[in-house]
Amino acid sequence: PLEKVIGVNSSLRGWVALDPNNLSKGVTGEFEVDMRTFDTGMLLRNE
């Protein structure tokens, strides 16, 4: 309500799998993000 916060992180690892011939099967995947490395624009908030 008081402030909109946007955090950005480029420490991303993972995978996505799909069947390109049958997209109705869906998409599956797994990602890992280091939460300690988000940058929100304020050092104290990042900590």
All heavy atoms as atom14 arrays in JSON, in Angstrom:
{
  "sequence": "PLEKVIGVNSSLRGWVALDPNNLSKGVTGEFEVDMRTFDTGMLLRNE",
  "atom14_mask": [
    [1, 1, 1, 1, 1, 1, 1, 0, 0, 0, 0, 0, 0, 0],
    [1, 1, 1, 1, 1, 1, 1, 1, 0, 0, 0, 0, 0, 0],
    [1, 1, 1, 1, 1, 1, 1, 1, 1, 0, 0, 0, 0, 0],
    [1, 1, 1, 1, 1, 1, 1, 1, 1, 0, 0, 0, 0, 0],
    [1, 1, 1, 1, 1, 1, 1, 0, 0, 0, 0, 0, 0, 0],
    [1, 1, 1, 1, 1, 1, 1, 1, 0, 0, 0, 0, 0, 0],
    [1, 1, 1, 1, 0, 0, 0, 0, 0, 0, 0, 0, 0, 0],
    [1, 1, 1, 1, 1, 1, 1, 0, 0, 0, 0, 0, 0, 0],
    [1, 1, 1, 1, 1, 1, 1, 1, 0, 0, 0, 0, 0, 0],
    [1, 1, 1, 1, 1, 1, 0, 0, 0, 0, 0, 0, 0, 0],
    [1, 1, 1, 1, 1, 1, 0, 0, 0, 0, 0, 0, 0, 0],
    [1, 1, 1, 1, 1, 1, 1, 1, 0, 0, 0, 0, 0, 0],
    [1, 1, 1, 1, 1, 1, 1, 1, 1, 1, 1, 0, 0, 0],
    [1, 1, 1, 1, 0, 0, 0, 0, 0, 0, 0, 0, 0, 0],
    [1, 1, 1, 1, 1, 1, 1, 1, 1, 1, 1, 1, 1, 1],
    [1, 1, 1, 1, 1, 1, 1, 0, 0, 0, 0, 0, 0, 0],
    [1, 1, 1, 1, 1, 0, 0, 0, 0, 0, 0, 0, 0, 0],
    [1, 1, 1, 1, 1, 1, 1, 1, 0, 0, 0, 0, 0, 0],
    [1, 1, 1, 1, 1, 1, 1, 1, 0, 0, 0, 0, 0, 0],
    [1, 1, 1, 1, 1, 1, 1, 0, 0, 0, 0, 0, 0, 0],
    [1, 1, 1, 1, 1, 1, 1, 1, 0, 0, 0, 0, 0, 0],
    [1, 1, 1, 1, 1, 1, 1, 1, 0, 0, 0, 0, 0, 0],
    [1, 1, 1, 1, 1, 1, 1, 1, 0, 0, 0, 0, 0, 0],
    [1, 1, 1, 1, 1, 1, 0, 0, 0, 0, 0, 0, 0, 0],
    [1, 1, 1, 1, 1, 1, 1, 1, 1, 0, 0, 0, 0, 0],
    [1, 1, 1, 1, 0, 0, 0, 0, 0, 0, 0, 0, 0, 0],
    [1, 1, 1, 1, 1, 1, 1, 0, 0, 0, 0, 0, 0, 0],
    [1, 1, 1, 1, 1, 1, 1, 0, 0, 0, 0, 0, 0, 0],
    [1, 1, 1, 1, 0, 0, 0, 0, 0, 0, 0, 0, 0, 0],
    [1, 1, 1, 1, 1, 1, 1, 1, 1, 0, 0, 0, 0, 0],
    [1, 1, 1, 1, 1, 1, 1, 1, 1, 1, 1, 0, 0, 0],
    [1, 1, 1, 1, 1, 1, 1, 1, 1, 0, 0, 0, 0, 0],
    [1, 1, 1, 1, 1, 1, 1, 0, 0, 0, 0, 0, 0, 0],
    [1, 1, 1, 1, 1, 1, 1, 1, 0, 0, 0, 0, 0, 0],
    [1, 1, 1, 1, 1, 1, 1, 1, 0, 0, 0, 0, 0, 0],
    [1, 1, 1, 1, 1, 1, 1, 1, 1, 1, 1, 0, 0, 0],
    [1, 1, 1, 1, 1, 1, 1, 0, 0, 0, 0, 0, 0, 0],
    [1, 1, 1, 1, 1, 1, 1, 1, 1, 1, 1, 0, 0, 0],
    [1, 1, 1, 1, 1, 1, 1, 1, 0, 0, 0, 0, 0, 0],
    [1, 1, 1, 1, 1, 1, 1, 0, 0, 0, 0, 0, 0, 0],
    [1, 1, 1, 1, 0, 0, 0, 0, 0, 0, 0, 0, 0, 0],
    [1, 1, 1, 1, 1, 1, 1, 1, 0, 0, 0, 0, 0, 0],
    [1, 1, 1, 1, 1, 1, 1, 1, 0, 0, 0, 0, 0, 0],
    [1, 1, 1, 1, 1, 1, 1, 1, 0, 0, 0, 0, 0, 0],
    [1, 1, 1, 1, 1, 1, 1, 1, 1, 1, 1, 0, 0, 0],
    [1, 1, 1, 1, 1, 1, 1, 1, 0, 0, 0, 0, 0, 0],
    [1, 1, 1, 1, 1, 1, 1, 1, 1, 0, 0, 0, 0, 0]
  ],
  "atom14_positions": [
    [[0.8, -1.24, 0.0], [0.0, 0.0, 0.0], [0.83, 1.29, 0.0], [0.47, 2.25, -0.66], [-0.82, -0.11, 1.28], [-0.87, -1.55, 1.59], [0.4, -2.13, 1.08], [0.0, 0.0, 0.0], [0.0, 0.0, 0.0], [0.0, 0.0, 0.0], [0.0, 0.0, 0.0], [0.0, 0.0, 0.0], [0.0, 0.0, 0.0], [0.0, 0.0, 0.0]],
    [[1.96, 1.31, 0.72], [2.75, 2.54, 0.82], [3.83, 2.65, -0.25], [4.23, 3.75, -0.61], [3.4, 2.64, 2.2], [2.44, 2.76, 3.37], [3.22, 2.79, 4.68], [1.58, 4.0, 3.23], [0.0, 0.0, 0.0], [0.0, 0.0, 0.0], [0.0, 0.0, 0.0], [0.0, 0.0, 0.0], [0.0, 0.0, 0.0], [0.0, 0.0, 0.0]],
    [[4.31, 1.52, -0.74], [5.44, 1.56, -1.65], [5.47, 0.31, -2.52], [5.26, -0.8, -2.04], [6.73, 1.64, -0.83], [7.99, 1.67, -1.63], [9.22, 1.71, -0.74], [9.15, 1.3, 0.42], [10.26, 2.16, -1.23], [0.0, 0.0, 0.0], [0.0, 0.0, 0.0], [0.0, 0.0, 0.0], [0.0, 0.0, 0.0], [0.0, 0.0, 0.0]],
    [[5.74, 0.51, -3.77], [5.91, -0.62, -4.68], [7.39, -0.98, -4.73], [8.23, -0.14, -4.99], [5.42, -0.24, -6.08], [5.48, -1.38, -7.07], [4.84, -0.96, -8.38], [4.76, -2.11, -9.34], [4.0, -1.76, -10.54], [0.0, 0.0, 0.0], [0.0, 0.0, 0.0], [0.0, 0.0, 0.0], [0.0, 0.0, 0.0], [0.0, 0.0, 0.0]],
    [[7.71, -2.25, -4.45], [9.09, -2.72, -4.4], [9.31, -3.71, -5.53], [8.53, -4.64, -5.72], [9.41, -3.39, -3.05], [10.83, -3.93, -3.03], [9.19, -2.42, -1.9], [0.0, 0.0, 0.0], [0.0, 0.0, 0.0], [0.0, 0.0, 0.0], [0.0, 0.0, 0.0], [0.0, 0.0, 0.0], [0.0, 0.0, 0.0], [0.0, 0.0, 0.0]],
    [[10.37, -3.5, -6.28], [10.75, -4.41, -7.34], [12.15, -4.92, -7.05], [13.07, -4.13, -6.83], [10.71, -3.72, -8.72], [9.29, -3.25, -9.02], [11.22, -4.65, -9.81], [9.17, -2.44, -10.28], [0.0, 0.0, 0.0], [0.0, 0.0, 0.0], [0.0, 0.0, 0.0], [0.0, 0.0, 0.0], [0.0, 0.0, 0.0], [0.0, 0.0, 0.0]],
    [[12.31, -6.23, -7.03], [13.62, -6.84, -6.81], [14.05, -7.6, -8.05], [13.26, -8.29, -8.68], [0.0, 0.0, 0.0], [0.0, 0.0, 0.0], [0.0, 0.0, 0.0], [0.0, 0.0, 0.0], [0.0, 0.0, 0.0], [0.0, 0.0, 0.0], [0.0, 0.0, 0.0], [0.0, 0.0, 0.0], [0.0, 0.0, 0.0], [0.0, 0.0, 0.0]],
    [[15.32, -7.45, -8.4], [15.86, -8.08, -9.6], [17.03, -8.97, -9.2], [17.83, -8.6, -8.35], [16.32, -7.01, -10.61], [16.91, -7.65, -11.85], [15.18, -6.09, -10.98], [0.0, 0.0, 0.0], [0.0, 0.0, 0.0], [0.0, 0.0, 0.0], [0.0, 0.0, 0.0], [0.0, 0.0, 0.0], [0.0, 0.0, 0.0], [0.0, 0.0, 0.0]],
    [[17.12, -10.13, -9.84], [18.19, -11.07, -9.54], [18.62, -11.75, -10.84], [17.79, -12.19, -11.62], [17.68, -12.12, -8.55], [18.75, -13.04, -8.06], [19.69, -13.34, -8.75], [18.6, -13.5, -6.84], [0.0, 0.0, 0.0], [0.0, 0.0, 0.0], [0.0, 0.0, 0.0], [0.0, 0.0, 0.0], [0.0, 0.0, 0.0], [0.0, 0.0, 0.0]],
    [[19.91, -11.84, -11.06], [20.41, -12.51, -12.25], [21.14, -13.82, -11.9], [21.84, -14.38, -12.72], [21.34, -11.58, -13.03], [22.41, -11.18, -12.22], [0.0, 0.0, 0.0], [0.0, 0.0, 0.0], [0.0, 0.0, 0.0], [0.0, 0.0, 0.0], [0.0, 0.0, 0.0], [0.0, 0.0, 0.0], [0.0, 0.0, 0.0], [0.0, 0.0, 0.0]],
    [[20.95, -14.28, -10.69], [21.56, -15.54, -10.25], [20.52, -16.65, -10.39], [19.96, -17.13, -9.42], [22.02, -15.39, -8.8], [22.46, -16.62, -8.3], [0.0, 0.0, 0.0], [0.0, 0.0, 0.0], [0.0, 0.0, 0.0], [0.0, 0.0, 0.0], [0.0, 0.0, 0.0], [0.0, 0.0, 0.0], [0.0, 0.0, 0.0], [0.0, 0.0, 0.0]],
    [[20.28, -17.07, -11.62], [19.2, -18.0, -11.94], [19.79, -19.26, -12.57], [20.63, -19.19, -13.45], [18.25, -17.32, -12.92], [17.1, -18.11, -13.49], [16.11, -18.47, -12.39], [16.41, -17.3, -14.56], [0.0, 0.0, 0.0], [0.0, 0.0, 0.0], [0.0, 0.0, 0.0], [0.0, 0.0, 0.0], [0.0, 0.0, 0.0], [0.0, 0.0, 0.0]],
    [[19.32, -20.42, -12.09], [19.73, -21.72, -12.66], [18.51, -22.61, -12.72], [17.62, -22.5, -11.89], [20.76, -22.4, -11.77], [22.05, -21.67, -11.63], [22.94, -22.37, -10.67], [23.01, -23.79, -11.05], [24.01, -24.6, -10.78], [25.02, -24.15, -10.08], [24.01, -25.84, -11.16], [0.0, 0.0, 0.0], [0.0, 0.0, 0.0], [0.0, 0.0, 0.0]],
    [[18.47, -23.49, -13.7], [17.37, -24.43, -13.77], [17.17, -25.02, -15.14], [18.07, -24.99, -15.98], [0.0, 0.0, 0.0], [0.0, 0.0, 0.0], [0.0, 0.0, 0.0], [0.0, 0.0, 0.0], [0.0, 0.0, 0.0], [0.0, 0.0, 0.0], [0.0, 0.0, 0.0], [0.0, 0.0, 0.0], [0.0, 0.0, 0.0], [0.0, 0.0, 0.0]],
    [[15.96, -25.55, -15.37], [15.65, -26.18, -16.64], [14.15, -26.14, -16.9], [13.35, -26.01, -15.97], [16.15, -27.61, -16.68], [15.6, -28.48, -15.58], [16.12, -28.65, -14.34], [14.4, -29.26, -15.62], [15.33, -29.49, -13.6], [14.26, -29.89, -14.37], [13.44, -29.5, -16.57], [13.21, -30.73, -14.06], [12.38, -30.34, -16.27], [12.28, -30.95, -15.03]],
    [[13.81, -26.25, -18.17], [12.42, -26.32, -18.62], [12.35, -27.43, -19.66], [13.23, -27.54, -20.51], [11.95, -25.0, -19.26], [10.56, -25.12, -19.82], [12.01, -23.87, -18.27], [0.0, 0.0, 0.0], [0.0, 0.0, 0.0], [0.0, 0.0, 0.0], [0.0, 0.0, 0.0], [0.0, 0.0, 0.0], [0.0, 0.0, 0.0], [0.0, 0.0, 0.0]],
    [[11.31, -28.27, -19.59], [11.14, -29.35, -20.56], [9.74, -29.28, -21.14], [8.77, -29.0, -20.43], [11.38, -30.7, -19.9], [0.0, 0.0, 0.0], [0.0, 0.0, 0.0], [0.0, 0.0, 0.0], [0.0, 0.0, 0.0], [0.0, 0.0, 0.0], [0.0, 0.0, 0.0], [0.0, 0.0, 0.0], [0.0, 0.0, 0.0], [0.0, 0.0, 0.0]],
    [[9.65, -29.53, -22.45], [8.36, -29.55, -23.12], [8.45, -30.43, -24.36], [9.53, -30.74, -24.83], [7.9, -28.14, -23.5], [8.83, -27.32, -24.39], [8.47, -27.49, -25.84], [8.71, -25.87, -23.99], [0.0, 0.0, 0.0], [0.0, 0.0, 0.0], [0.0, 0.0, 0.0], [0.0, 0.0, 0.0], [0.0, 0.0, 0.0], [0.0, 0.0, 0.0]],
    [[7.3, -30.82, -24.86], [7.22, -31.59, -26.09], [6.81, -30.63, -27.19], [5.66, -30.21, -27.26], [6.2, -32.72, -25.95], [6.12, -33.58, -27.18], [6.74, -33.24, -28.21], [5.43, -34.61, -27.12], [0.0, 0.0, 0.0], [0.0, 0.0, 0.0], [0.0, 0.0, 0.0], [0.0, 0.0, 0.0], [0.0, 0.0, 0.0], [0.0, 0.0, 0.0]],
    [[7.73, -30.22, -28.07], [7.4, -29.21, -29.08], [6.35, -29.68, -30.08], [5.69, -28.87, -30.7], [8.74, -28.94, -29.77], [9.62, -30.06, -29.41], [9.12, -30.64, -28.15], [0.0, 0.0, 0.0], [0.0, 0.0, 0.0], [0.0, 0.0, 0.0], [0.0, 0.0, 0.0], [0.0, 0.0, 0.0], [0.0, 0.0, 0.0], [0.0, 0.0, 0.0]],
    [[6.16, -30.99, -30.21], [5.16, -31.5, -31.14], [3.79, -31.66, -30.5], [2.81, -31.92, -31.2], [5.61, -32.86, -31.7], [6.87, -32.72, -32.52], [7.02, -31.75, -33.25], [7.78, -33.65, -32.37], [0.0, 0.0, 0.0], [0.0, 0.0, 0.0], [0.0, 0.0, 0.0], [0.0, 0.0, 0.0], [0.0, 0.0, 0.0], [0.0, 0.0, 0.0]],
    [[3.71, -31.54, -29.18], [2.45, -31.68, -28.48], [2.46, -30.8, -27.23], [2.7, -31.28, -26.12], [2.21, -33.15, -28.11], [0.83, -33.39, -27.58], [0.03, -32.47, -27.44], [0.53, -34.64, -27.29], [0.0, 0.0, 0.0], [0.0, 0.0, 0.0], [0.0, 0.0, 0.0], [0.0, 0.0, 0.0], [0.0, 0.0, 0.0], [0.0, 0.0, 0.0]],
    [[2.21, -29.51, -27.41], [2.26, -28.57, -26.28], [1.14, -28.78, -25.28], [1.21, -28.28, -24.16], [2.24, -27.14, -26.81], [3.47, -26.74, -27.64], [3.31, -25.32, -28.16], [4.74, -26.89, -26.83], [0.0, 0.0, 0.0], [0.0, 0.0, 0.0], [0.0, 0.0, 0.0], [0.0, 0.0, 0.0], [0.0, 0.0, 0.0], [0.0, 0.0, 0.0]],
    [[0.11, -29.54, -25.64], [-0.98, -29.8, -24.71], [-0.52, -30.69, -23.56], [-1.21, -30.8, -22.54], [-2.16, -30.45, -25.43], [-1.8, -31.71, -25.95], [0.0, 0.0, 0.0], [0.0, 0.0, 0.0], [0.0, 0.0, 0.0], [0.0, 0.0, 0.0], [0.0, 0.0, 0.0], [0.0, 0.0, 0.0], [0.0, 0.0, 0.0], [0.0, 0.0, 0.0]],
    [[0.64, -31.33, -23.69], [1.2, -32.12, -22.58], [1.66, -31.22, -21.44], [1.9, -31.69, -20.34], [2.38, -32.96, -23.07], [1.99, -34.12, -23.92], [3.24, -34.92, -24.28], [2.92, -36.12, -25.11], [4.14, -36.87, -25.47], [0.0, 0.0, 0.0], [0.0, 0.0, 0.0], [0.0, 0.0, 0.0], [0.0, 0.0, 0.0], [0.0, 0.0, 0.0]],
    [[1.83, -29.94, -21.73], [2.25, -29.0, -20.7], [3.75, -28.78, -20.68], [4.49, -29.3, -21.51], [0.0, 0.0, 0.0], [0.0, 0.0, 0.0], [0.0, 0.0, 0.0], [0.0, 0.0, 0.0], [0.0, 0.0, 0.0], [0.0, 0.0, 0.0], [0.0, 0.0, 0.0], [0.0, 0.0, 0.0], [0.0, 0.0, 0.0], [0.0, 0.0, 0.0]],
    [[4.17, -28.02, -19.71], [5.57, -27.67, -19.53], [5.95, -28.03, -18.11], [5.19, -27.8, -17.18], [5.8, -26.16, -19.77], [7.24, -25.78, -19.53], [5.36, -25.77, -21.17], [0.0, 0.0, 0.0], [0.0, 0.0, 0.0], [0.0, 0.0, 0.0], [0.0, 0.0, 0.0], [0.0, 0.0, 0.0], [0.0, 0.0, 0.0], [0.0, 0.0, 0.0]],
    [[7.13, -28.57, -17.94], [7.62, -28.88, -16.62], [9.01, -28.27, -16.46], [9.7, -28.06, -17.45], [7.65, -30.41, -16.36], [8.05, -30.64, -15.01], [8.6, -31.11, -17.29], [0.0, 0.0, 0.0], [0.0, 0.0, 0.0], [0.0, 0.0, 0.0], [0.0, 0.0, 0.0], [0.0, 0.0, 0.0], [0.0, 0.0, 0.0], [0.0, 0.0, 0.0]],
    [[9.39, -27.97, -15.24], [10.7, -27.37, -15.04], [10.99, -27.12, -13.58], [10.15, -27.35, -12.71], [0.0, 0.0, 0.0], [0.0, 0.0, 0.0], [0.0, 0.0, 0.0], [0.0, 0.0, 0.0], [0.0, 0.0, 0.0], [0.0, 0.0, 0.0], [0.0, 0.0, 0.0], [0.0, 0.0, 0.0], [0.0, 0.0, 0.0], [0.0, 0.0, 0.0]],
    [[12.18, -26.64, -13.35], [12.63, -26.37, -11.99], [13.66, -25.25, -12.06], [14.56, -25.28, -12.89], [13.27, -27.65, -11.45], [13.56, -27.64, -10.0], [14.05, -29.01, -9.57], [13.26, -29.97, -9.6], [15.24, -29.09, -9.22], [0.0, 0.0, 0.0], [0.0, 0.0, 0.0], [0.0, 0.0, 0.0], [0.0, 0.0, 0.0], [0.0, 0.0, 0.0]],
    [[13.51, -24.25, -11.18], [14.46, -23.14, -11.15], [14.93, -22.9, -9.73], [14.21, -23.14, -8.77], [13.81, -21.85, -11.68], [13.65, -21.84, -13.17], [12.47, -22.22, -13.75], [14.71, -21.47, -13.98], [12.32, -22.23, -15.12], [14.58, -21.47, -15.35], [13.37, -21.85, -15.92], [0.0, 0.0, 0.0], [0.0, 0.0, 0.0], [0.0, 0.0, 0.0]],
    [[16.16, -22.42, -9.63], [16.76, -22.09, -8.34], [17.28, -20.66, -8.41], [17.99, -20.29, -9.34], [17.92, -23.05, -8.08], [18.63, -22.82, -6.79], [19.78, -23.81, -6.63], [19.56, -25.0, -6.82], [20.9, -23.34, -6.33], [0.0, 0.0, 0.0], [0.0, 0.0, 0.0], [0.0, 0.0, 0.0], [0.0, 0.0, 0.0], [0.0, 0.0, 0.0]],
    [[16.89, -19.86, -7.41], [17.3, -18.46, -7.36], [17.92, -18.21, -5.99], [17.33, -18.55, -4.96], [16.1, -17.52, -7.57], [16.52, -16.07, -7.48], [15.42, -17.8, -8.89], [0.0, 0.0, 0.0], [0.0, 0.0, 0.0], [0.0, 0.0, 0.0], [0.0, 0.0, 0.0], [0.0, 0.0, 0.0], [0.0, 0.0, 0.0], [0.0, 0.0, 0.0]],
    [[19.09, -17.59, -5.97], [19.74, -17.23, -4.71], [19.04, -16.0, -4.15], [19.24, -14.88, -4.65], [21.23, -16.98, -4.94], [21.98, -16.75, -3.64], [21.35, -16.7, -2.57], [23.21, -16.62, -3.71], [0.0, 0.0, 0.0], [0.0, 0.0, 0.0], [0.0, 0.0, 0.0], [0.0, 0.0, 0.0], [0.0, 0.0, 0.0], [0.0, 0.0, 0.0]],
    [[18.21, -16.18, -3.14], [17.41, -15.09, -2.58], [18.27, -14.0, -1.94], [17.84, -12.87, -1.78], [16.43, -15.64, -1.53], [15.46, -16.66, -2.1], [14.35, -15.95, -3.31], [13.27, -15.04, -2.24], [0.0, 0.0, 0.0], [0.0, 0.0, 0.0], [0.0, 0.0, 0.0], [0.0, 0.0, 0.0], [0.0, 0.0, 0.0], [0.0, 0.0, 0.0]],
    [[19.5, -14.32, -1.59], [20.39, -13.33, -0.95], [20.93, -12.31, -1.93], [21.53, -11.33, -1.51], [21.56, -14.04, -0.27], [21.13, -15.03, 0.81], [22.26, -15.9, 1.22], [22.64, -16.7, 0.05], [23.65, -17.55, 0.04], [24.41, -17.69, 1.08], [23.92, -18.25, -1.04], [0.0, 0.0, 0.0], [0.0, 0.0, 0.0], [0.0, 0.0, 0.0]],
    [[20.73, -12.51, -3.22], [21.33, -11.63, -4.2], [20.32, -10.75, -4.94], [20.65, -10.17, -5.97], [22.15, -12.44, -5.23], [21.28, -13.38, -5.87], [23.29, -13.18, -4.56], [0.0, 0.0, 0.0], [0.0, 0.0, 0.0], [0.0, 0.0, 0.0], [0.0, 0.0, 0.0], [0.0, 0.0, 0.0], [0.0, 0.0, 0.0], [0.0, 0.0, 0.0]],
    [[19.1, -10.63, -4.42], [18.13, -9.71, -5.03], [18.55, -8.27, -4.79], [19.02, -7.91, -3.71], [16.73, -9.92, -4.44], [15.93, -10.92, -5.18], [15.8, -12.21, -4.71], [15.29, -10.59, -6.36], [15.06, -13.14, -5.4], [14.54, -11.51, -7.06], [14.42, -12.79, -6.58], [0.0, 0.0, 0.0], [0.0, 0.0, 0.0], [0.0, 0.0, 0.0]],
    [[18.39, -7.44, -5.81], [18.68, -6.01, -5.69], [17.36, -5.26, -5.78], [16.67, -5.31, -6.79], [19.62, -5.56, -6.8], [19.99, -4.09, -6.68], [19.82, -3.52, -5.58], [20.45, -3.52, -7.68], [0.0, 0.0, 0.0], [0.0, 0.0, 0.0], [0.0, 0.0, 0.0], [0.0, 0.0, 0.0], [0.0, 0.0, 0.0], [0.0, 0.0, 0.0]],
    [[17.02, -4.56, -4.7], [15.77, -3.79, -4.65], [16.01, -2.29, -4.75], [15.06, -1.51, -4.68], [15.01, -4.08, -3.34], [15.83, -3.67, -2.24], [14.65, -5.54, -3.22], [0.0, 0.0, 0.0], [0.0, 0.0, 0.0], [0.0, 0.0, 0.0], [0.0, 0.0, 0.0], [0.0, 0.0, 0.0], [0.0, 0.0, 0.0], [0.0, 0.0, 0.0]],
    [[17.26, -1.89, -4.86], [17.57, -0.47, -4.95], [17.94, 0.16, -3.63], [18.36, 1.32, -3.58], [0.0, 0.0, 0.0], [0.0, 0.0, 0.0], [0.0, 0.0, 0.0], [0.0, 0.0, 0.0], [0.0, 0.0, 0.0], [0.0, 0.0, 0.0], [0.0, 0.0, 0.0], [0.0, 0.0, 0.0], [0.0, 0.0, 0.0], [0.0, 0.0, 0.0]],
    [[17.77, -0.57, -2.51], [18.14, -0.06, -1.19], [18.96, -1.14, -0.47], [18.49, -2.27, -0.33], [16.9, 0.27, -0.37], [16.14, 1.48, -0.84], [14.7, 1.85, 0.19], [15.48, 2.22, 1.74], [0.0, 0.0, 0.0], [0.0, 0.0, 0.0], [0.0, 0.0, 0.0], [0.0, 0.0, 0.0], [0.0, 0.0, 0.0], [0.0, 0.0, 0.0]],
    [[20.14, -0.78, 0.0], [21.02, -1.75, 0.65], [20.38, -2.39, 1.88], [20.47, -3.6, 2.07], [22.36, -1.1, 1.02], [23.24, -0.72, -0.16], [24.47, 0.04, 0.33], [23.64, -1.95, -0.93], [0.0, 0.0, 0.0], [0.0, 0.0, 0.0], [0.0, 0.0, 0.0], [0.0, 0.0, 0.0], [0.0, 0.0, 0.0], [0.0, 0.0, 0.0]],
    [[19.74, -1.6, 2.73], [19.13, -2.13, 3.94], [18.02, -3.12, 3.61], [17.91, -4.18, 4.22], [18.6, -0.99, 4.82], [18.06, -1.4, 6.19], [19.14, -2.12, 7.0], [17.57, -0.19, 6.95], [0.0, 0.0, 0.0], [0.0, 0.0, 0.0], [0.0, 0.0, 0.0], [0.0, 0.0, 0.0], [0.0, 0.0, 0.0], [0.0, 0.0, 0.0]],
    [[17.22, -2.79, 2.63], [16.13, -3.7, 2.24], [16.71, -4.97, 1.62], [16.19, -6.05, 1.82], [15.2, -2.99, 1.25], [14.01, -3.85, 0.88], [12.94, -3.15, 0.09], [13.43, -2.13, -0.79], [12.78, -1.0, -1.03], [11.63, -0.74, -0.44], [13.27, -0.1, -1.87], [0.0, 0.0, 0.0], [0.0, 0.0, 0.0], [0.0, 0.0, 0.0]],
    [[17.8, -4.85, 0.88], [18.44, -6.04, 0.31], [18.91, -6.99, 1.39], [18.82, -8.21, 1.24], [19.64, -5.64, -0.55], [19.24, -4.93, -1.82], [18.08, -4.91, -2.2], [20.22, -4.32, -2.47], [0.0, 0.0, 0.0], [0.0, 0.0, 0.0], [0.0, 0.0, 0.0], [0.0, 0.0, 0.0], [0.0, 0.0, 0.0], [0.0, 0.0, 0.0]],
    [[19.4, -6.46, 2.5], [19.87, -7.3, 3.62], [18.71, -8.05, 4.26], [18.89, -9.16, 4.73], [20.58, -6.45, 4.66], [21.91, -5.91, 4.17], [22.58, -5.01, 5.19], [22.14, -4.98, 6.38], [23.54, -4.32, 4.83], [0.0, 0.0, 0.0], [0.0, 0.0, 0.0], [0.0, 0.0, 0.0], [0.0, 0.0, 0.0], [0.0, 0.0, 0.0]]
  ]
}
